Amino acid sequence: METNDFTKLRKVYELVKDFMPTHPYHGHEHAKDVFYAANRLSKIEGVSREERLILQTAALLHDIVFFKGANDNEEKSAEFATPYLRQYSYSQCQINRVNELILATKLPTNPKNLLENIICDADLDILGRKDFFEKNNEYRKELGAENDLTWCSTQLRFLRNHKYYTCSAQELRGEGLKNNTRRIEKMLRGA
């Protein structure tokens, strides 16, 4: 990564650290999780240095504005990020691409190209990880939901309907997604 790109990302990282909400799940740690997952997937998928900068920037900023229950968090995050990206010397083309990637994370996802596939996979990387239940509990608390059969059933439906878009995410997280799905099924059978 060139020094200029590193400087840009460092400024974005500091912005996220300063402005990211302090929710139990959608906070600074989630932004870092998505950043690292996007970086890992982009390397495996053979993404160029320029595209990786765009992807990493969007990964850090995709939830910088997050209000529980709001349907426009992604739009607000892109809107919030734009003037800062200009200030940090991102070109208008780069800003547009970052915003497109942020918007691609809106659920239900419908990615249209490799970078959108990667950011969608990175945003939901947790579904196939061993710390899924810990992070899912943080998300439940953030929403103010009860830890009951309704919550578990909703999460089970989400996991069953989820698919990773990139071959690399399928390879890295597919088995974990199946395992986490089976664990919730078992919990519901035992309830």
N, C-alpha and C. Protein backbone atom coordinates (compact mmCIF):
# COMPACT_ATOMS: atom_id res chain seq x y z
N MET A 1 0.85 -1.17 0.00
CA MET A 1 0.00 0.00 0.00
C MET A 1 0.89 1.23 0.00
N GLU A 2 0.56 2.18 -0.85
CA GLU A 2 1.34 3.41 -0.93
C GLU A 2 1.12 4.25 0.32
N THR A 3 2.10 5.10 0.63
CA THR A 3 2.03 5.95 1.81
C THR A 3 0.77 6.82 1.78
N ASN A 4 0.45 7.39 0.61
CA ASN A 4 -0.72 8.24 0.49
C ASN A 4 -1.99 7.48 0.85
N ASP A 5 -2.11 6.24 0.37
CA ASP A 5 -3.27 5.41 0.70
C ASP A 5 -3.30 5.10 2.19
N PHE A 6 -2.15 4.81 2.75
CA PHE A 6 -2.07 4.52 4.18
C PHE A 6 -2.52 5.74 4.98
N THR A 7 -2.09 6.93 4.57
CA THR A 7 -2.47 8.17 5.25
C THR A 7 -3.97 8.38 5.18
N LYS A 8 -4.56 8.14 4.02
CA LYS A 8 -6.01 8.27 3.86
C LYS A 8 -6.74 7.32 4.81
N LEU A 9 -6.32 6.07 4.80
CA LEU A 9 -6.98 5.07 5.66
C LEU A 9 -6.81 5.40 7.13
N ARG A 10 -5.65 5.89 7.49
CA ARG A 10 -5.42 6.26 8.89
C ARG A 10 -6.39 7.37 9.32
N LYS A 11 -6.59 8.35 8.45
CA LYS A 11 -7.53 9.44 8.75
C LYS A 11 -8.96 8.90 8.88
N VAL A 12 -9.33 7.99 7.99
CA VAL A 12 -10.66 7.39 8.05
C VAL A 12 -10.81 6.59 9.34
N TYR A 13 -9.78 5.84 9.70
CA TYR A 13 -9.81 5.06 10.93
C TYR A 13 -10.01 5.98 12.14
N GLU A 14 -9.30 7.08 12.18
CA GLU A 14 -9.43 8.04 13.29
C GLU A 14 -10.84 8.64 13.31
N LEU A 15 -11.39 8.94 12.14
CA LEU A 15 -12.75 9.46 12.05
C LEU A 15 -13.74 8.46 12.65
N VAL A 16 -13.59 7.20 12.28
CA VAL A 16 -14.47 6.15 12.78
C VAL A 16 -14.31 6.01 14.30
N LYS A 17 -13.08 6.06 14.76
CA LYS A 17 -12.84 5.97 16.20
C LYS A 17 -13.53 7.11 16.95
N ASP A 18 -13.52 8.29 16.37
CA ASP A 18 -14.09 9.47 17.02
C ASP A 18 -15.61 9.55 16.91
N PHE A 19 -16.18 9.07 15.80
CA PHE A 19 -17.60 9.30 15.54
C PHE A 19 -18.48 8.06 15.55
N MET A 20 -17.88 6.89 15.55
CA MET A 20 -18.69 5.67 15.49
C MET A 20 -19.54 5.57 16.74
N PRO A 21 -20.80 5.13 16.58
CA PRO A 21 -21.65 4.96 17.77
C PRO A 21 -21.03 3.96 18.75
N THR A 22 -21.45 4.04 19.99
CA THR A 22 -20.93 3.12 21.01
C THR A 22 -21.98 2.07 21.37
N HIS A 23 -22.69 1.58 20.37
CA HIS A 23 -23.67 0.52 20.59
C HIS A 23 -22.96 -0.78 20.95
N PRO A 24 -23.66 -1.69 21.59
CA PRO A 24 -23.03 -2.97 21.94
C PRO A 24 -22.46 -3.73 20.73
N TYR A 25 -23.14 -3.66 19.58
CA TYR A 25 -22.65 -4.38 18.40
C TYR A 25 -22.12 -3.41 17.34
N HIS A 26 -22.94 -2.47 16.91
CA HIS A 26 -22.55 -1.55 15.85
C HIS A 26 -21.70 -0.42 16.43
N GLY A 27 -20.45 -0.74 16.65
CA GLY A 27 -19.51 0.21 17.19
C GLY A 27 -18.17 0.07 16.48
N HIS A 28 -17.17 0.65 17.08
CA HIS A 28 -15.82 0.67 16.52
C HIS A 28 -15.28 -0.75 16.24
N GLU A 29 -15.56 -1.67 17.15
CA GLU A 29 -15.07 -3.05 16.96
C GLU A 29 -15.70 -3.71 15.73
N HIS A 30 -16.98 -3.44 15.49
CA HIS A 30 -17.63 -3.99 14.29
C HIS A 30 -16.98 -3.41 13.03
N ALA A 31 -16.70 -2.11 13.04
CA ALA A 31 -16.04 -1.49 11.88
C ALA A 31 -14.69 -2.15 11.63
N LYS A 32 -13.93 -2.39 12.69
CA LYS A 32 -12.63 -3.06 12.53
C LYS A 32 -12.81 -4.49 12.03
N ASP A 33 -13.78 -5.21 12.56
CA ASP A 33 -14.06 -6.58 12.11
C ASP A 33 -14.32 -6.61 10.61
N VAL A 34 -15.17 -5.70 10.15
CA VAL A 34 -15.54 -5.68 8.73
C VAL A 34 -14.32 -5.26 7.89
N PHE A 35 -13.54 -4.32 8.39
CA PHE A 35 -12.32 -3.90 7.70
C PHE A 35 -11.37 -5.09 7.50
N TYR A 36 -11.10 -5.82 8.57
CA TYR A 36 -10.17 -6.95 8.46
C TYR A 36 -10.73 -8.07 7.58
N ALA A 37 -12.02 -8.33 7.68
CA ALA A 37 -12.63 -9.35 6.82
C ALA A 37 -12.57 -8.92 5.36
N ALA A 38 -12.87 -7.66 5.08
CA ALA A 38 -12.83 -7.16 3.70
C ALA A 38 -11.40 -7.22 3.16
N ASN A 39 -10.45 -6.87 3.99
CA ASN A 39 -9.04 -6.91 3.56
C ASN A 39 -8.62 -8.34 3.23
N ARG A 40 -8.97 -9.27 4.10
CA ARG A 40 -8.63 -10.68 3.89
C ARG A 40 -9.27 -11.21 2.61
N LEU A 41 -10.57 -10.97 2.45
CA LEU A 41 -11.27 -11.46 1.27
C LEU A 41 -10.75 -10.80 -0.01
N SER A 42 -10.44 -9.52 0.06
CA SER A 42 -9.96 -8.82 -1.14
C SER A 42 -8.61 -9.36 -1.60
N LYS A 43 -7.77 -9.74 -0.65
CA LYS A 43 -6.48 -10.34 -1.03
C LYS A 43 -6.69 -11.69 -1.69
N ILE A 44 -7.55 -12.51 -1.12
CA ILE A 44 -7.81 -13.84 -1.69
C ILE A 44 -8.45 -13.71 -3.07
N GLU A 45 -9.34 -12.73 -3.22
CA GLU A 45 -10.06 -12.54 -4.48
C GLU A 45 -9.23 -11.80 -5.53
N GLY A 46 -8.02 -11.36 -5.16
CA GLY A 46 -7.13 -10.73 -6.13
C GLY A 46 -7.50 -9.30 -6.50
N VAL A 47 -8.03 -8.56 -5.55
CA VAL A 47 -8.45 -7.19 -5.78
C VAL A 47 -7.21 -6.29 -5.87
N SER A 48 -7.24 -5.32 -6.78
CA SER A 48 -6.11 -4.40 -6.96
C SER A 48 -5.92 -3.50 -5.74
N ARG A 49 -4.78 -2.88 -5.65
CA ARG A 49 -4.46 -1.96 -4.55
C ARG A 49 -5.48 -0.82 -4.48
N GLU A 50 -5.81 -0.23 -5.62
CA GLU A 50 -6.78 0.87 -5.66
C GLU A 50 -8.15 0.42 -5.18
N GLU A 51 -8.59 -0.75 -5.64
CA GLU A 51 -9.89 -1.27 -5.23
C GLU A 51 -9.89 -1.63 -3.75
N ARG A 52 -8.76 -2.11 -3.25
CA ARG A 52 -8.67 -2.45 -1.83
C ARG A 52 -8.81 -1.19 -0.97
N LEU A 53 -8.23 -0.09 -1.40
CA LEU A 53 -8.38 1.17 -0.67
C LEU A 53 -9.86 1.56 -0.58
N ILE A 54 -10.56 1.47 -1.70
CA ILE A 54 -11.99 1.80 -1.75
C ILE A 54 -12.77 0.88 -0.80
N LEU A 55 -12.48 -0.40 -0.88
CA LEU A 55 -13.17 -1.40 -0.07
C LEU A 55 -12.89 -1.21 1.41
N GLN A 56 -11.64 -1.01 1.78
CA GLN A 56 -11.30 -0.82 3.18
C GLN A 56 -11.94 0.45 3.76
N THR A 57 -11.96 1.49 2.95
CA THR A 57 -12.58 2.75 3.38
C THR A 57 -14.06 2.53 3.64
N ALA A 58 -14.74 1.89 2.70
CA ALA A 58 -16.18 1.63 2.86
C ALA A 58 -16.44 0.71 4.05
N ALA A 59 -15.58 -0.27 4.25
CA ALA A 59 -15.75 -1.19 5.38
C ALA A 59 -15.70 -0.44 6.70
N LEU A 60 -14.78 0.49 6.83
CA LEU A 60 -14.68 1.26 8.07
C LEU A 60 -15.89 2.18 8.27
N LEU A 61 -16.40 2.73 7.18
CA LEU A 61 -17.43 3.76 7.28
C LEU A 61 -18.87 3.26 7.15
N HIS A 62 -19.06 2.00 6.82
CA HIS A 62 -20.40 1.55 6.42
C HIS A 62 -21.48 1.71 7.49
N ASP A 63 -21.12 1.73 8.76
CA ASP A 63 -22.10 1.91 9.84
C ASP A 63 -21.75 3.09 10.73
N ILE A 64 -21.07 4.09 10.18
CA ILE A 64 -20.66 5.22 11.04
C ILE A 64 -21.89 5.97 11.56
N VAL A 65 -22.99 5.90 10.83
CA VAL A 65 -24.27 6.40 11.32
C VAL A 65 -25.16 5.17 11.49
N PHE A 66 -25.55 4.91 12.73
CA PHE A 66 -26.41 3.76 12.99
C PHE A 66 -27.41 4.10 14.07
N PHE A 67 -28.68 4.14 13.68
CA PHE A 67 -29.77 4.35 14.61
C PHE A 67 -30.64 3.11 14.61
N LYS A 68 -30.88 2.55 15.77
CA LYS A 68 -31.69 1.35 15.91
C LYS A 68 -33.05 1.56 15.23
N GLY A 69 -33.40 0.62 14.35
CA GLY A 69 -34.70 0.65 13.70
C GLY A 69 -34.80 1.56 12.48
N ALA A 70 -33.75 2.34 12.21
CA ALA A 70 -33.79 3.25 11.05
C ALA A 70 -33.56 2.45 9.77
N ASN A 71 -34.20 2.87 8.70
CA ASN A 71 -34.05 2.20 7.41
C ASN A 71 -33.07 2.90 6.49
N ASP A 72 -32.47 3.99 6.96
CA ASP A 72 -31.58 4.75 6.09
C ASP A 72 -30.18 4.93 6.68
N ASN A 73 -29.76 4.00 7.52
CA ASN A 73 -28.42 4.12 8.12
C ASN A 73 -27.32 4.15 7.07
N GLU A 74 -27.44 3.32 6.04
CA GLU A 74 -26.41 3.27 5.00
C GLU A 74 -26.36 4.59 4.23
N GLU A 75 -27.52 5.11 3.89
CA GLU A 75 -27.56 6.39 3.18
C GLU A 75 -26.96 7.50 4.04
N LYS A 76 -27.32 7.50 5.31
CA LYS A 76 -26.79 8.51 6.23
C LYS A 76 -25.28 8.36 6.43
N SER A 77 -24.81 7.11 6.46
CA SER A 77 -23.37 6.88 6.60
C SER A 77 -22.62 7.42 5.39
N ALA A 78 -23.13 7.16 4.19
CA ALA A 78 -22.50 7.66 2.97
C ALA A 78 -22.51 9.19 2.95
N GLU A 79 -23.63 9.75 3.34
CA GLU A 79 -23.77 11.21 3.37
C GLU A 79 -22.78 11.83 4.38
N PHE A 80 -22.69 11.21 5.55
CA PHE A 80 -21.77 11.69 6.59
C PHE A 80 -20.32 11.62 6.11
N ALA A 81 -19.97 10.53 5.43
CA ALA A 81 -18.58 10.29 5.05
C ALA A 81 -18.09 11.20 3.94
N THR A 82 -18.96 11.60 3.03
CA THR A 82 -18.55 12.31 1.82
C THR A 82 -17.67 13.53 2.06
N PRO A 83 -18.06 14.49 2.91
CA PRO A 83 -17.19 15.66 3.08
C PRO A 83 -15.84 15.32 3.70
N TYR A 84 -15.81 14.32 4.57
CA TYR A 84 -14.53 13.92 5.16
C TYR A 84 -13.62 13.31 4.11
N LEU A 85 -14.19 12.48 3.24
CA LEU A 85 -13.37 11.85 2.20
C LEU A 85 -12.80 12.91 1.26
N ARG A 86 -13.58 13.94 0.96
CA ARG A 86 -13.05 15.05 0.15
C ARG A 86 -11.88 15.70 0.87
N GLN A 87 -12.06 15.94 2.15
CA GLN A 87 -11.02 16.58 2.97
C GLN A 87 -9.76 15.71 3.01
N TYR A 88 -9.92 14.40 2.95
CA TYR A 88 -8.79 13.47 3.02
C TYR A 88 -8.20 13.16 1.65
N SER A 89 -8.57 13.94 0.65
CA SER A 89 -8.00 13.85 -0.71
C SER A 89 -8.43 12.63 -1.50
N TYR A 90 -9.58 12.08 -1.20
CA TYR A 90 -10.16 11.05 -2.06
C TYR A 90 -10.74 11.77 -3.28
N SER A 91 -10.58 11.19 -4.45
CA SER A 91 -11.15 11.78 -5.65
C SER A 91 -12.67 11.59 -5.63
N GLN A 92 -13.37 12.34 -6.47
CA GLN A 92 -14.83 12.20 -6.53
C GLN A 92 -15.21 10.79 -6.98
N CYS A 93 -14.43 10.23 -7.89
CA CYS A 93 -14.68 8.86 -8.35
C CYS A 93 -14.52 7.87 -7.18
N GLN A 94 -13.48 8.04 -6.38
CA GLN A 94 -13.28 7.18 -5.22
C GLN A 94 -14.42 7.33 -4.22
N ILE A 95 -14.84 8.56 -3.98
CA ILE A 95 -15.94 8.81 -3.04
C ILE A 95 -17.21 8.13 -3.52
N ASN A 96 -17.50 8.26 -4.81
CA ASN A 96 -18.70 7.61 -5.36
C ASN A 96 -18.64 6.10 -5.18
N ARG A 97 -17.49 5.53 -5.40
CA ARG A 97 -17.35 4.07 -5.27
C ARG A 97 -17.46 3.64 -3.80
N VAL A 98 -16.87 4.41 -2.89
CA VAL A 98 -17.02 4.11 -1.45
C VAL A 98 -18.49 4.14 -1.07
N ASN A 99 -19.20 5.18 -1.53
CA ASN A 99 -20.62 5.31 -1.19
C ASN A 99 -21.44 4.15 -1.77
N GLU A 100 -21.12 3.72 -2.97
CA GLU A 100 -21.81 2.57 -3.56
C GLU A 100 -21.62 1.31 -2.71
N LEU A 101 -20.42 1.14 -2.20
CA LEU A 101 -20.15 -0.03 -1.36
C LEU A 101 -20.86 0.06 -0.02
N ILE A 102 -20.89 1.25 0.56
CA ILE A 102 -21.63 1.43 1.81
C ILE A 102 -23.10 1.07 1.58
N LEU A 103 -23.68 1.57 0.52
CA LEU A 103 -25.09 1.31 0.21
C LEU A 103 -25.34 -0.17 -0.08
N ALA A 104 -24.34 -0.87 -0.58
CA ALA A 104 -24.49 -2.30 -0.89
C ALA A 104 -24.71 -3.14 0.36
N THR A 105 -24.35 -2.61 1.54
CA THR A 105 -24.51 -3.38 2.78
C THR A 105 -25.93 -3.33 3.33
N LYS A 106 -26.79 -2.57 2.71
CA LYS A 106 -28.18 -2.46 3.18
C LYS A 106 -28.88 -3.81 2.99
N LEU A 107 -29.55 -4.25 4.05
CA LEU A 107 -30.27 -5.52 4.00
C LEU A 107 -31.67 -5.33 3.43
N PRO A 108 -32.17 -6.23 2.62
CA PRO A 108 -31.47 -7.41 2.12
C PRO A 108 -30.45 -7.00 1.05
N THR A 109 -29.31 -7.63 1.08
CA THR A 109 -28.24 -7.27 0.16
C THR A 109 -28.53 -7.81 -1.24
N ASN A 110 -28.02 -7.07 -2.22
CA ASN A 110 -28.14 -7.45 -3.61
C ASN A 110 -26.92 -6.94 -4.37
N PRO A 111 -25.74 -7.49 -4.06
CA PRO A 111 -24.51 -6.97 -4.67
C PRO A 111 -24.48 -7.19 -6.18
N LYS A 112 -23.81 -6.25 -6.86
CA LYS A 112 -23.79 -6.28 -8.32
C LYS A 112 -22.41 -6.48 -8.92
N ASN A 113 -21.37 -6.51 -8.09
CA ASN A 113 -20.02 -6.70 -8.61
C ASN A 113 -19.14 -7.29 -7.50
N LEU A 114 -17.91 -7.58 -7.83
CA LEU A 114 -17.00 -8.24 -6.88
C LEU A 114 -16.82 -7.45 -5.59
N LEU A 115 -16.58 -6.14 -5.70
CA LEU A 115 -16.35 -5.36 -4.47
C LEU A 115 -17.59 -5.34 -3.58
N GLU A 116 -18.77 -5.25 -4.19
CA GLU A 116 -20.00 -5.31 -3.40
C GLU A 116 -20.17 -6.69 -2.78
N ASN A 117 -19.83 -7.74 -3.52
CA ASN A 117 -19.87 -9.09 -2.95
C ASN A 117 -18.97 -9.17 -1.72
N ILE A 118 -17.77 -8.63 -1.85
CA ILE A 118 -16.80 -8.71 -0.75
C ILE A 118 -17.29 -7.95 0.47
N ILE A 119 -17.78 -6.72 0.29
CA ILE A 119 -18.19 -5.96 1.48
C ILE A 119 -19.42 -6.58 2.13
N CYS A 120 -20.31 -7.14 1.34
CA CYS A 120 -21.48 -7.83 1.93
C CYS A 120 -21.02 -9.05 2.73
N ASP A 121 -20.09 -9.81 2.17
CA ASP A 121 -19.55 -10.97 2.89
C ASP A 121 -18.81 -10.54 4.15
N ALA A 122 -18.05 -9.47 4.06
CA ALA A 122 -17.28 -8.99 5.22
C ALA A 122 -18.21 -8.50 6.33
N ASP A 123 -19.28 -7.81 5.94
CA ASP A 123 -20.21 -7.27 6.93
C ASP A 123 -20.89 -8.39 7.72
N LEU A 124 -21.12 -9.53 7.07
CA LEU A 124 -21.78 -10.66 7.74
C LEU A 124 -20.83 -11.84 7.95
N ASP A 125 -19.55 -11.54 7.96
CA ASP A 125 -18.51 -12.55 8.23
C ASP A 125 -18.79 -13.27 9.54
N ILE A 126 -19.32 -12.55 10.50
CA ILE A 126 -19.56 -13.07 11.84
C ILE A 126 -20.47 -14.29 11.84
N LEU A 127 -21.36 -14.40 10.85
CA LEU A 127 -22.32 -15.51 10.83
C LEU A 127 -21.64 -16.87 10.77
N GLY A 128 -20.43 -16.90 10.24
CA GLY A 128 -19.72 -18.17 10.13
C GLY A 128 -18.53 -18.29 11.08
N ARG A 129 -18.47 -17.41 12.06
CA ARG A 129 -17.34 -17.43 12.98
C ARG A 129 -17.69 -18.10 14.29
N LYS A 130 -16.66 -18.49 15.01
CA LYS A 130 -16.86 -19.15 16.31
C LYS A 130 -17.41 -18.20 17.36
N ASP A 131 -17.17 -16.90 17.21
CA ASP A 131 -17.69 -15.93 18.18
C ASP A 131 -19.07 -15.40 17.79
N PHE A 132 -19.75 -16.10 16.88
CA PHE A 132 -21.07 -15.68 16.43
C PHE A 132 -22.03 -15.46 17.60
N PHE A 133 -22.11 -16.40 18.53
CA PHE A 133 -23.10 -16.30 19.60
C PHE A 133 -22.81 -15.13 20.53
N GLU A 134 -21.54 -14.86 20.79
CA GLU A 134 -21.16 -13.72 21.61
C GLU A 134 -21.57 -12.41 20.91
N LYS A 135 -21.24 -12.29 19.64
CA LYS A 135 -21.58 -11.08 18.88
C LYS A 135 -23.08 -10.96 18.67
N ASN A 136 -23.75 -12.09 18.46
CA ASN A 136 -25.19 -12.09 18.28
C ASN A 136 -25.88 -11.61 19.56
N ASN A 137 -25.34 -11.97 20.70
CA ASN A 137 -25.88 -11.51 21.98
C ASN A 137 -25.71 -9.99 22.11
N GLU A 138 -24.58 -9.45 21.63
CA GLU A 138 -24.37 -8.00 21.65
C GLU A 138 -25.41 -7.31 20.76
N TYR A 139 -25.66 -7.91 19.60
CA TYR A 139 -26.64 -7.35 18.67
C TYR A 139 -28.05 -7.39 19.28
N ARG A 140 -28.39 -8.49 19.93
CA ARG A 140 -29.68 -8.62 20.59
C ARG A 140 -29.85 -7.54 21.65
N LYS A 141 -28.82 -7.33 22.47
CA LYS A 141 -28.87 -6.29 23.51
C LYS A 141 -29.03 -4.91 22.88
N GLU A 142 -28.32 -4.67 21.78
CA GLU A 142 -28.41 -3.39 21.10
C GLU A 142 -29.84 -3.11 20.65
N LEU A 143 -30.52 -4.13 20.17
CA LEU A 143 -31.90 -3.98 19.71
C LEU A 143 -32.91 -3.96 20.85
N GLY A 144 -32.47 -4.35 22.04
CA GLY A 144 -33.38 -4.42 23.18
C GLY A 144 -34.33 -5.59 23.09
N ALA A 145 -33.89 -6.64 22.39
CA ALA A 145 -34.74 -7.84 22.22
C ALA A 145 -34.52 -8.80 23.37
N GLU A 146 -35.55 -9.54 23.69
CA GLU A 146 -35.45 -10.58 24.71
C GLU A 146 -34.71 -11.78 24.13
N ASN A 147 -33.98 -12.46 24.98
CA ASN A 147 -33.30 -13.69 24.56
C ASN A 147 -34.30 -14.83 24.72
N ASP A 148 -35.17 -14.97 23.75
CA ASP A 148 -36.25 -15.94 23.85
C ASP A 148 -36.38 -16.73 22.55
N LEU A 149 -37.42 -17.52 22.46
CA LEU A 149 -37.64 -18.35 21.27
C LEU A 149 -37.85 -17.51 20.02
N THR A 150 -38.50 -16.38 20.17
CA THR A 150 -38.73 -15.50 19.02
C THR A 150 -37.39 -15.03 18.45
N TRP A 151 -36.49 -14.60 19.32
CA TRP A 151 -35.17 -14.14 18.87
C TRP A 151 -34.42 -15.28 18.19
N CYS A 152 -34.39 -16.42 18.83
CA CYS A 152 -33.67 -17.57 18.26
C CYS A 152 -34.27 -17.99 16.91
N SER A 153 -35.58 -17.99 16.81
CA SER A 153 -36.24 -18.36 15.56
C SER A 153 -35.92 -17.36 14.45
N THR A 154 -35.90 -16.09 14.79
CA THR A 154 -35.55 -15.05 13.81
C THR A 154 -34.11 -15.22 13.34
N GLN A 155 -33.22 -15.49 14.28
CA GLN A 155 -31.81 -15.68 13.91
C GLN A 155 -31.62 -16.93 13.07
N LEU A 156 -32.37 -17.98 13.40
CA LEU A 156 -32.28 -19.21 12.62
C LEU A 156 -32.72 -18.96 11.18
N ARG A 157 -33.83 -18.25 11.00
CA ARG A 157 -34.29 -17.92 9.64
C ARG A 157 -33.23 -17.13 8.88
N PHE A 158 -32.62 -16.17 9.57
CA PHE A 158 -31.59 -15.33 8.93
C PHE A 158 -30.41 -16.20 8.49
N LEU A 159 -29.94 -17.05 9.38
CA LEU A 159 -28.80 -17.92 9.04
C LEU A 159 -29.14 -18.87 7.90
N ARG A 160 -30.32 -19.46 7.95
CA ARG A 160 -30.72 -20.40 6.90
C ARG A 160 -30.82 -19.72 5.54
N ASN A 161 -31.20 -18.46 5.52
CA ASN A 161 -31.37 -17.74 4.26
C ASN A 161 -30.11 -17.03 3.78
N HIS A 162 -29.08 -17.04 4.62
CA HIS A 162 -27.86 -16.31 4.25
C HIS A 162 -27.01 -17.13 3.29
N LYS A 163 -26.40 -16.42 2.36
CA LYS A 163 -25.40 -17.05 1.48
C LYS A 163 -24.24 -16.08 1.34
N TYR A 164 -23.06 -16.62 1.36
CA TYR A 164 -21.88 -15.82 1.08
C TYR A 164 -21.73 -15.74 -0.42
N TYR A 165 -21.35 -14.59 -0.91
CA TYR A 165 -21.29 -14.35 -2.35
C TYR A 165 -19.96 -14.78 -2.97
N THR A 166 -18.86 -14.54 -2.28
CA THR A 166 -17.55 -14.86 -2.87
C THR A 166 -17.15 -16.29 -2.54
N CYS A 167 -16.38 -16.86 -3.42
CA CYS A 167 -15.85 -18.21 -3.18
C CYS A 167 -14.99 -18.23 -1.92
N SER A 168 -14.23 -17.15 -1.71
CA SER A 168 -13.35 -17.11 -0.54
C SER A 168 -14.15 -17.10 0.76
N ALA A 169 -15.23 -16.35 0.82
CA ALA A 169 -16.05 -16.34 2.04
C ALA A 169 -16.76 -17.68 2.22
N GLN A 170 -17.22 -18.28 1.14
CA GLN A 170 -17.84 -19.60 1.23
C GLN A 170 -16.84 -20.60 1.79
N GLU A 171 -15.62 -20.51 1.32
CA GLU A 171 -14.56 -21.42 1.79
C GLU A 171 -14.20 -21.16 3.25
N LEU A 172 -14.06 -19.89 3.62
CA LEU A 172 -13.62 -19.53 4.97
C LEU A 172 -14.73 -19.65 6.02
N ARG A 173 -15.97 -19.34 5.65
CA ARG A 173 -17.04 -19.23 6.64
C ARG A 173 -18.23 -20.15 6.41
N GLY A 174 -18.27 -20.84 5.28
CA GLY A 174 -19.43 -21.68 4.97
C GLY A 174 -19.69 -22.76 5.99
N GLU A 175 -18.66 -23.47 6.40
CA GLU A 175 -18.83 -24.54 7.38
C GLU A 175 -19.22 -23.97 8.74
N GLY A 176 -18.63 -22.84 9.11
CA GLY A 176 -18.99 -22.19 10.37
C GLY A 176 -20.44 -21.74 10.36
N LEU A 177 -20.93 -21.24 9.23
CA LEU A 177 -22.33 -20.85 9.10
C LEU A 177 -23.23 -22.06 9.33
N LYS A 178 -22.88 -23.19 8.74
CA LYS A 178 -23.66 -24.42 8.94
C LYS A 178 -23.64 -24.84 10.41
N ASN A 179 -22.47 -24.78 11.04
CA ASN A 179 -22.35 -25.16 12.45
C ASN A 179 -23.18 -24.26 13.35
N ASN A 180 -23.14 -22.95 13.10
CA ASN A 180 -23.92 -22.02 13.92
C ASN A 180 -25.42 -22.22 13.70
N THR A 181 -25.80 -22.55 12.48
CA THR A 181 -27.21 -22.84 12.19
C THR A 181 -27.65 -24.08 12.96
N ARG A 182 -26.82 -25.12 12.94
CA ARG A 182 -27.15 -26.35 13.67
C ARG A 182 -27.25 -26.10 15.17
N ARG A 183 -26.38 -25.25 15.70
CA ARG A 183 -26.43 -24.95 17.14
C ARG A 183 -27.73 -24.27 17.52
N ILE A 184 -28.20 -23.35 16.70
CA ILE A 184 -29.47 -22.69 17.01
C ILE A 184 -30.61 -23.68 16.86
N GLU A 185 -30.56 -24.52 15.84
CA GLU A 185 -31.61 -25.56 15.68
C GLU A 185 -31.67 -26.44 16.92
N LYS A 186 -30.50 -26.82 17.42
CA LYS A 186 -30.43 -27.66 18.62
C LYS A 186 -30.99 -26.93 19.84
N MET A 187 -30.68 -25.66 19.96
CA MET A 187 -31.20 -24.86 21.07
C MET A 187 -32.72 -24.80 21.02
N LEU A 188 -33.26 -24.63 19.84
CA LEU A 188 -34.71 -24.53 19.69
C LEU A 188 -35.40 -25.88 19.95
N ARG A 189 -34.74 -26.96 19.56
CA ARG A 189 -35.30 -28.29 19.85
C ARG A 189 -35.33 -28.56 21.35
N GLY A 190 -34.32 -28.04 22.05
CA GLY A 190 -34.23 -28.27 23.48
C GLY A 190 -35.10 -27.33 24.30
N ALA A 191 -35.65 -26.33 23.65
CA ALA A 191 -36.45 -25.34 24.39
C ALA A 191 -37.84 -25.84 24.70
